[in-house]
Protein backbone atom coordinates (compact mmCIF):
# COMPACT_ATOMS: atom_id res chain seq x y z
CA MET A 1 -49.33 -42.92 -0.27
CA GLY A 2 -45.66 -43.35 -1.07
CA GLY A 3 -46.17 -41.70 -4.44
CA GLN A 4 -47.83 -38.66 -2.90
CA SER A 5 -44.93 -38.29 -0.42
CA TYR A 6 -42.44 -38.41 -3.28
CA ILE A 7 -44.35 -35.79 -5.26
CA LEU A 8 -44.47 -33.51 -2.19
CA ARG A 9 -40.72 -33.84 -1.59
CA TYR A 10 -40.05 -33.21 -5.28
CA ALA A 11 -42.21 -30.08 -5.27
CA GLN A 12 -40.49 -28.75 -2.15
CA THR A 13 -37.03 -29.48 -3.57
CA ASN A 14 -37.97 -27.96 -6.91
CA ALA A 15 -39.25 -24.81 -5.18
CA ALA A 16 -36.00 -24.52 -3.22
CA ILE A 17 -33.98 -24.92 -6.42
CA THR A 18 -36.11 -22.33 -8.19
CA THR A 19 -35.64 -19.88 -5.32
CA ALA A 20 -31.87 -20.47 -5.30
CA LEU A 21 -31.62 -19.98 -9.07
CA GLU A 22 -33.63 -16.78 -8.93
CA ALA A 23 -31.42 -15.45 -6.11
CA ASN A 24 -28.36 -16.31 -8.21
CA ARG A 25 -29.76 -14.53 -11.27
CA THR A 26 -30.47 -11.45 -9.16
CA SER A 27 -26.97 -11.56 -7.69
CA ILE A 28 -25.39 -11.81 -11.15
CA ALA A 29 -27.53 -9.04 -12.65
CA LYS A 30 -26.99 -6.56 -9.82
CA PRO A 31 -23.27 -5.85 -10.32
CA ARG A 32 -23.72 -5.75 -14.09
CA GLY A 33 -26.01 -2.75 -14.00
CA PHE A 34 -23.08 -0.42 -14.46
CA GLU A 35 -24.99 2.62 -15.62
CA LYS A 36 -27.70 2.19 -13.00
CA ASN A 37 -25.03 2.07 -10.30
CA SER A 38 -22.97 4.94 -11.70
CA ASP A 39 -22.13 7.97 -9.61
CA ASP A 40 -22.38 11.12 -11.69
CA SER A 41 -20.34 13.14 -9.19
CA VAL A 42 -17.43 10.71 -9.58
CA ARG A 43 -17.54 10.93 -13.34
CA LYS A 44 -17.65 14.72 -13.26
CA ARG A 45 -14.68 14.75 -10.90
CA VAL A 46 -12.67 12.46 -13.20
CA ALA A 47 -13.60 14.63 -16.17
CA SER A 48 -12.23 17.68 -14.36
CA VAL A 49 -8.75 16.12 -13.92
CA THR A 50 -6.11 18.08 -15.83
CA PRO A 51 -2.32 17.64 -16.22
CA THR A 52 -1.82 20.12 -13.37
CA SER A 53 -3.92 18.02 -10.98
CA ALA A 54 -0.92 15.78 -10.32
CA ARG A 55 1.43 18.63 -9.45
CA GLY A 56 0.17 19.36 -5.95
CA ARG A 57 -0.51 22.65 -4.20
CA ALA A 58 3.11 23.73 -4.11
CA HIS A 59 5.13 23.71 -7.33
CA SER A 60 8.73 23.68 -6.16
CA PRO A 61 11.12 21.74 -8.44
CA PRO A 62 11.04 18.00 -7.74
CA VAL A 63 14.75 17.76 -6.98
CA SER A 64 14.58 20.43 -4.28
CA ARG A 65 11.57 18.96 -2.46
CA PRO A 66 13.15 15.94 -0.70
CA ARG A 67 15.81 18.07 0.96
CA GLY A 68 13.08 20.35 2.25
CA PHE A 69 11.25 17.28 3.54
CA LEU A 70 14.30 16.09 5.45
CA ALA A 71 14.83 19.48 7.01
CA CYS A 72 11.20 19.48 8.13
CA LEU A 73 11.41 16.07 9.74
CA ASN A 74 14.93 16.80 11.01
CA PRO A 75 16.22 13.22 10.95
CA PRO A 76 19.91 12.34 10.84
CA PRO A 77 21.33 11.13 7.52
CA LEU A 78 20.43 7.56 6.58
CA LEU A 79 16.85 7.75 7.77
CA LEU A 80 15.58 4.49 9.23
CA VAL A 81 12.11 3.40 8.10
CA HIS A 82 10.17 0.18 7.82
CA SER A 83 6.70 -1.37 7.74
CA LEU A 84 5.55 -3.71 10.49
CA LYS A 85 3.35 -6.76 9.95
CA PRO A 86 -0.40 -6.84 10.57
CA ARG A 87 -1.78 -9.32 13.09
CA SER A 88 -4.99 -11.21 12.47
CA THR A 89 -7.99 -10.73 14.72
CA ARG A 90 -10.94 -12.90 15.65
CA LEU A 91 -13.56 -10.23 15.03
CA SER A 92 -14.68 -11.59 11.65
CA LYS A 93 -15.26 -15.02 13.22
CA GLY A 94 -17.48 -13.55 15.93
CA GLU A 95 -15.12 -14.77 18.65
CA ILE A 96 -14.64 -11.27 20.11
CA THR A 97 -16.83 -8.18 20.36
CA GLU A 98 -16.27 -4.87 18.61
CA GLU A 99 -15.18 -3.33 21.92
CA GLU A 100 -12.68 -6.12 22.55
CA TYR A 101 -11.37 -5.69 19.02
CA GLU A 102 -10.86 -1.93 19.49
CA LYS A 103 -8.90 -2.49 22.70
CA PHE A 104 -6.82 -5.14 20.98
CA ILE A 105 -5.91 -2.75 18.13
CA GLU A 106 -5.02 0.02 20.58
CA LYS A 107 -2.78 -2.32 22.55
CA GLU A 108 -1.04 -3.71 19.46
CA THR A 109 -0.54 -0.25 17.94
CA LYS A 110 1.02 1.12 21.10
CA SER A 111 3.24 -1.95 21.40
CA ALA A 112 4.46 -1.57 17.80
CA VAL A 113 5.24 2.13 18.26
CA ARG A 114 7.06 1.60 21.58
CA PHE A 115 9.19 -1.13 20.01
CA GLN A 116 10.22 1.14 17.15
CA GLU A 117 11.10 3.94 19.55
CA ARG A 118 13.09 1.58 21.74
CA ILE A 119 15.35 0.29 18.96
CA GLY A 120 15.89 3.77 17.49
CA LEU A 121 13.94 4.02 14.25
CA ASP A 122 13.48 7.59 13.01
CA LEU A 123 10.23 7.42 11.03
CA LEU A 124 7.58 5.18 12.55
CA VAL A 125 4.51 3.26 11.37
CA HIS A 126 1.56 2.20 13.49
CA GLY A 127 2.01 -1.49 12.68
CA GLU A 128 -1.29 -2.06 10.83
CA PRO A 129 -2.73 -4.66 13.25
CA GLU A 130 -6.25 -3.81 12.03
CA ARG A 131 -5.60 -4.77 8.40
CA ASN A 132 -6.39 -8.12 6.84
CA ASP A 133 -4.55 -7.54 3.56
CA LEU A 134 -2.75 -4.62 1.95
CA VAL A 135 -5.41 -4.42 -0.79
CA GLN A 136 -8.53 -6.06 0.63
CA TYR A 137 -8.63 -3.67 3.61
CA PHE A 138 -9.08 -0.68 1.30
CA ARG A 139 -11.42 -2.32 -1.18
CA GLU A 140 -13.78 -3.23 1.66
CA ARG A 141 -13.94 0.48 2.57
CA LEU A 142 -14.42 1.84 -0.94
CA SER A 143 -17.72 1.76 -2.77
CA GLY A 144 -17.92 0.00 -6.12
CA PHE A 145 -16.46 -3.41 -5.18
CA VAL A 146 -18.02 -6.82 -4.56
CA PHE A 147 -16.27 -9.89 -3.08
CA THR A 148 -16.80 -13.59 -3.47
CA GLN A 149 -17.06 -15.68 -0.32
CA ASN A 150 -14.81 -18.58 -1.27
CA ALA A 151 -13.01 -17.81 -4.55
CA TRP A 152 -9.50 -17.71 -3.10
CA VAL A 153 -6.59 -17.15 -5.50
CA GLN A 154 -2.97 -18.02 -4.74
CA PHE A 155 -0.96 -14.82 -4.31
CA TYR A 156 2.47 -16.29 -3.62
CA GLY A 157 3.74 -19.19 -1.54
CA SER A 158 1.05 -20.14 0.94
CA ARG A 159 -0.71 -16.75 0.83
CA TYR A 160 -4.17 -16.58 -0.75
CA VAL A 161 -6.44 -13.60 -1.43
CA ARG A 162 -9.96 -13.02 -2.73
CA PRO A 163 -9.71 -10.59 -5.65
CA PRO A 164 -12.85 -8.46 -5.83
CA THR A 165 -14.72 -7.29 -8.89
CA ILE A 166 -15.15 -3.59 -9.63
CA VAL A 167 -18.83 -3.22 -10.43
CA SER A 168 -19.51 0.52 -10.34
CA ASP A 169 -17.87 3.91 -9.85
CA VAL A 170 -15.39 3.96 -6.98
CA THR A 171 -15.66 6.45 -4.13
CA ARG A 172 -14.36 6.75 -0.58
CA LYS A 173 -17.27 6.61 1.86
CA GLU A 174 -15.27 7.88 4.87
CA PRO A 175 -11.68 8.08 6.14
CA MET A 176 -10.10 4.63 6.09
CA THR A 177 -6.80 4.92 7.96
CA VAL A 178 -6.78 8.32 9.64
CA ARG A 179 -8.03 7.14 13.01
CA TRP A 180 -5.25 4.65 13.73
CA SER A 181 -2.44 6.77 12.28
CA LYS A 182 -3.59 9.72 14.35
CA TYR A 183 -3.89 7.52 17.43
CA ALA A 184 -0.33 6.22 16.96
CA GLN A 185 1.01 9.75 16.49
CA SER A 186 -0.69 10.90 19.70
CA PHE A 187 1.74 9.08 22.01
CA THR A 188 5.07 9.59 20.23
CA SER A 189 7.10 12.68 19.41
CA LYS A 190 8.68 10.98 16.41
CA PRO A 191 7.01 11.44 13.01
CA MET A 192 4.44 8.81 12.06
CA LYS A 193 4.02 7.53 8.49
CA GLY A 194 0.57 6.85 7.06
CA MET A 195 0.36 3.69 4.95
CA LEU A 196 -1.95 3.30 1.91
CA THR A 197 -2.13 1.00 -1.10
CA GLY A 198 -1.94 2.78 -4.44
CA PRO A 199 -4.64 3.05 -7.11
CA VAL A 200 -2.84 1.04 -9.78
CA THR A 201 -2.09 -1.85 -7.42
CA ILE A 202 -5.71 -1.96 -6.25
CA LEU A 203 -6.82 -2.02 -9.89
CA ASN A 204 -4.31 -4.66 -10.99
CA TRP A 205 -5.27 -6.95 -8.12
CA SER A 206 -8.98 -6.70 -8.91
CA PHE A 207 -11.22 -7.85 -11.75
CA PRO A 208 -11.84 -4.56 -13.59
CA ARG A 209 -15.00 -3.30 -15.24
CA VAL A 210 -15.42 -3.85 -18.96
CA ASP A 211 -17.60 -0.85 -19.81
CA ILE A 212 -14.98 1.82 -19.04
CA SER A 213 -11.21 1.87 -19.48
CA ARG A 214 -8.71 0.78 -16.86
CA GLU A 215 -7.28 4.30 -17.00
CA ILE A 216 -10.59 5.84 -15.85
CA GLN A 217 -10.93 3.21 -13.12
CA ALA A 218 -7.40 4.04 -11.92
CA GLN A 219 -8.29 7.74 -11.84
CA GLN A 220 -11.39 7.05 -9.76
CA LEU A 221 -9.30 5.07 -7.28
CA ALA A 222 -6.65 7.80 -7.27
CA LEU A 223 -9.17 10.50 -6.40
CA ALA A 224 -10.60 8.39 -3.56
CA LEU A 225 -7.09 7.86 -2.16
CA ARG A 226 -6.22 11.52 -2.70
CA ASP A 227 -8.99 12.43 -0.23
CA GLU A 228 -7.45 10.01 2.28
CA VAL A 229 -3.97 11.46 1.78
CA ILE A 230 -5.25 15.00 2.36
CA ASP A 231 -7.08 13.89 5.51
CA LEU A 232 -3.92 12.22 6.83
CA GLU A 233 -1.98 15.44 6.30
CA ALA A 234 -4.69 17.44 8.08
CA ALA A 235 -4.45 14.97 11.00
CA GLY A 236 -0.77 15.83 11.47
CA ILE A 237 0.83 12.89 9.66
CA LYS A 238 4.12 14.16 8.23
CA ALA A 239 4.90 11.29 5.84
CA ILE A 240 2.44 9.28 3.74
CA GLN A 241 3.36 6.15 1.81
CA VAL A 242 1.19 5.08 -1.12
CA ASP A 243 2.47 1.67 -2.15
CA GLU A 244 2.44 0.49 -5.76
CA PRO A 245 4.00 -2.99 -5.64
CA ALA A 246 1.86 -4.18 -8.56
CA LEU A 247 2.32 -1.21 -10.90
CA ARG A 248 4.74 -3.15 -13.07
CA GLU A 249 2.39 -6.15 -13.21
CA GLY A 250 0.05 -4.19 -15.49
CA LEU A 251 2.65 -3.64 -18.19
CA PRO A 252 1.41 -4.70 -21.65
CA LEU A 253 3.08 -7.72 -23.26
CA ARG A 254 4.40 -5.63 -26.14
CA ARG A 255 7.11 -3.22 -25.03
CA ALA A 256 5.93 -0.76 -27.67
CA ASP A 257 2.78 -0.30 -25.56
CA TRP A 258 4.61 0.33 -22.27
CA ASN A 259 4.80 4.10 -22.54
CA SER A 260 1.05 4.52 -22.81
CA TYR A 261 0.43 2.34 -19.75
CA LEU A 262 3.20 3.90 -17.66
CA ASN A 263 1.92 7.38 -18.51
CA TRP A 264 -1.60 6.85 -17.20
CA ALA A 265 -0.49 4.56 -14.37
CA GLY A 266 2.14 7.04 -13.24
CA ASN A 267 -0.27 9.94 -13.50
CA SER A 268 -2.86 8.05 -11.45
CA PHE A 269 -0.30 7.46 -8.73
CA LYS A 270 0.76 11.11 -8.75
CA LEU A 271 -2.88 12.20 -8.70
CA SER A 272 -3.40 10.25 -5.48
CA THR A 273 -0.44 11.91 -3.72
CA ALA A 274 -0.35 15.43 -5.16
CA GLY A 275 -2.93 17.03 -2.89
CA VAL A 276 -0.49 17.68 -0.04
CA GLY A 277 1.98 20.50 0.51
CA ASP A 278 5.76 20.47 0.34
CA HIS A 279 6.01 20.00 4.11
CA THR A 280 4.58 16.47 3.80
CA GLN A 281 6.73 13.61 2.54
CA THR A 282 5.25 11.26 -0.04
CA HIS A 283 6.76 7.77 -0.16
CA SER A 284 6.10 4.69 -2.21
CA HIS A 285 7.33 1.13 -2.60
CA PHE A 286 7.78 -0.50 -5.99
CA CYS A 287 8.67 -4.07 -6.90
CA TYR A 288 11.13 -4.56 -9.78
CA SER A 289 11.27 -0.83 -10.35
CA ASP A 290 14.16 -0.25 -12.75
CA ASP A 291 11.77 1.26 -15.34
CA ILE A 292 9.84 3.51 -12.92
CA PHE A 293 11.24 6.74 -11.46
CA PRO A 294 8.65 9.05 -9.85
CA HIS A 295 9.64 12.27 -8.08
CA LEU A 296 9.29 11.12 -4.50
CA VAL A 297 10.94 9.02 -1.81
CA ILE A 298 11.01 5.58 -3.36
CA LEU A 299 11.53 2.29 -1.53
CA ILE A 300 12.68 -0.55 -3.78
CA GLU A 301 13.58 -4.23 -3.57
CA ALA A 302 17.34 -4.24 -4.07
CA PRO A 303 18.72 -7.38 -2.35
CA LYS A 304 17.22 -9.87 -4.81
CA SER A 305 18.81 -8.00 -7.75
CA ASP A 306 22.26 -8.08 -6.11
CA LEU A 307 22.09 -4.25 -6.00
CA LYS A 308 21.98 -3.98 -9.82
CA LEU A 309 19.05 -1.56 -9.43
CA ILE A 310 21.29 0.91 -7.61
CA ASN A 311 23.53 1.23 -10.65
CA THR A 312 20.41 1.77 -12.77
CA PHE A 313 19.39 4.70 -10.60
CA ARG A 314 22.85 6.23 -10.91
CA HIS A 315 22.76 5.72 -14.69
CA TYR A 316 19.54 7.75 -14.91
CA GLY A 317 20.82 10.45 -12.55
CA TYR A 318 18.15 9.85 -9.90
CA SER A 319 18.64 12.61 -7.32
CA ASN A 320 15.72 12.23 -4.92
CA ASN A 321 15.49 10.22 -1.71
CA ILE A 322 15.64 6.48 -2.14
CA GLY A 323 15.36 3.48 0.17
CA PRO A 324 16.93 0.39 -1.40
CA GLY A 325 16.02 -2.56 0.80
CA VAL A 326 19.01 -3.79 2.78
CA TYR A 327 17.71 -7.33 3.30
CA ASP A 328 15.14 -9.72 1.79
CA VAL A 329 12.04 -10.04 3.99
CA ARG A 330 10.81 -13.19 2.26
CA SER A 331 13.44 -15.26 4.01
CA PRO A 332 13.21 -16.16 7.71
CA ARG A 333 16.97 -15.73 8.00
CA VAL A 334 18.03 -12.83 10.24
CA PRO A 335 20.62 -10.67 8.41
CA GLY A 336 23.74 -9.95 10.42
CA ASN A 337 24.97 -6.50 11.36
CA VAL A 338 28.11 -6.83 9.21
CA GLU A 339 26.07 -8.09 6.24
CA ILE A 340 23.88 -4.97 6.32
CA GLN A 341 26.96 -2.78 6.75
CA GLU A 342 28.43 -4.25 3.57
CA ARG A 343 25.22 -3.52 1.68
CA LEU A 344 25.21 0.06 2.92
CA LYS A 345 28.84 0.51 1.85
CA ALA A 346 27.94 -0.73 -1.63
CA MET A 347 24.93 1.61 -1.80
CA LEU A 348 26.95 4.62 -0.64
CA ALA A 349 29.33 4.06 -3.54
CA TYR A 350 26.43 4.99 -5.84
CA LEU A 351 24.17 7.22 -3.72
CA ASP A 352 24.78 10.34 -1.66
CA GLN A 353 24.22 9.55 2.03
CA SER A 354 21.82 12.51 2.38
CA LEU A 355 19.43 10.74 -0.02
CA LEU A 356 19.62 7.24 1.44
CA TYR A 357 16.85 5.68 3.54
CA VAL A 358 17.66 2.44 5.37
CA ASN A 359 14.82 -0.10 5.37
CA PRO A 360 13.93 -3.73 4.63
CA ASP A 361 13.03 -4.37 1.01
CA CYS A 362 9.31 -4.87 1.70
CA GLY A 363 6.72 -5.04 4.49
CA LEU A 364 7.24 -7.50 7.33
CA LYS A 365 3.80 -9.09 7.55
CA THR A 366 5.10 -12.52 6.49
CA ARG A 367 7.69 -12.64 9.27
CA GLY A 368 7.40 -13.69 12.90
CA TRP A 369 8.00 -11.14 15.63
CA LYS A 370 11.15 -12.81 16.96
CA GLU A 371 12.99 -12.61 13.63
CA THR A 372 11.48 -9.17 12.88
CA GLU A 373 12.85 -7.69 16.09
CA ALA A 374 16.30 -9.25 15.63
CA SER A 375 16.54 -8.08 12.00
CA LEU A 376 15.47 -4.51 12.74
CA ILE A 377 17.88 -4.23 15.67
CA ASN A 378 20.71 -5.25 13.34
CA LEU A 379 19.45 -2.80 10.73
CA VAL A 380 19.57 0.09 13.23
CA GLU A 381 23.06 -0.85 14.43
CA ALA A 382 24.36 -1.03 10.86
CA ALA A 383 22.86 2.38 10.07
CA ARG A 384 24.51 3.87 13.16
CA TRP A 385 27.82 2.45 11.99
CA ALA A 386 27.30 3.98 8.55
CA ARG A 387 26.51 7.38 10.07
CA GLN A 388 29.72 7.33 12.08
CA ASN A 389 31.91 6.21 9.20
CA HIS A 390 30.33 7.80 6.14
CA ALA A 391 28.27 10.83 7.19
């Protein structure tokens, strides 16, 4: 009797194992069917990309465009910009309903916008309370990606992410950010900035396909983001930031191979932003960007380099708008008003004040609200001082 019971349990366990193994084989095989999952329309669209695709609808000289942008937005010199931090929600844990989540996002967005208006920022952001991660949020809304459930990878410090795998052609299923940017713009007269993550950063922070080149994958991502950028412009968003913090991370080990990478990476970035007209600002943020100079408003991390990057920009004759970060956001320390003033004085020795944007050196999602508010208030006061003494 005992032997029969053992055989029955063994058979049941063996069947369960067999079922689990078969499910695993199916799961592994599914994302590897690249050609079966391919989207012919995406491939045709990539094939139609030409060198002029990255030039935009209007072809005014790059140097003249930023001044036209500033006149359109009509800000004072030393434009104040920043990126707020996202706040986590309990929706994914099933602790709140979809309706409760929507109301939460509306409340947080309005609170973020009102705070920015109150302290005197010129160009606002909606605060991104609906986003879980600067890359994951977009990859979850683009076709062609799969995620693991538990394969967390250390990003930096105590922050961990789940890098996805690109398994088929990438497309945008529907607008990803337009709703909340448009909502934020609806209750402020100040210009709102749309915030996106760039194609090269999304690629570099994913496991890429092996059957097509990284360049083609970057182009597919760029075209998907280009549609989002165009939709943001149509929704009345006057400035759109496409961040590329990881563009430099993809540089080949051999410097002799850098030009090839920077050419296709830079073109992919430009392809994603070039669908808008001259009346719309295009911004970006780059980490360690002394080798990268696109024709757009560029936000860079200057404090950690002791402002050496500023001299680099002067050396190359950079004449477009630039936002060197005035304090390091990775420290909980609140920078003082005088400290920021000194940084601005040093920057104005190299840069014309009409080109300078005043902002932190990166997004503020790692900082608490108390220190964020104190730091931004000091940033605004320092910029006002600079306007009075240097404009």
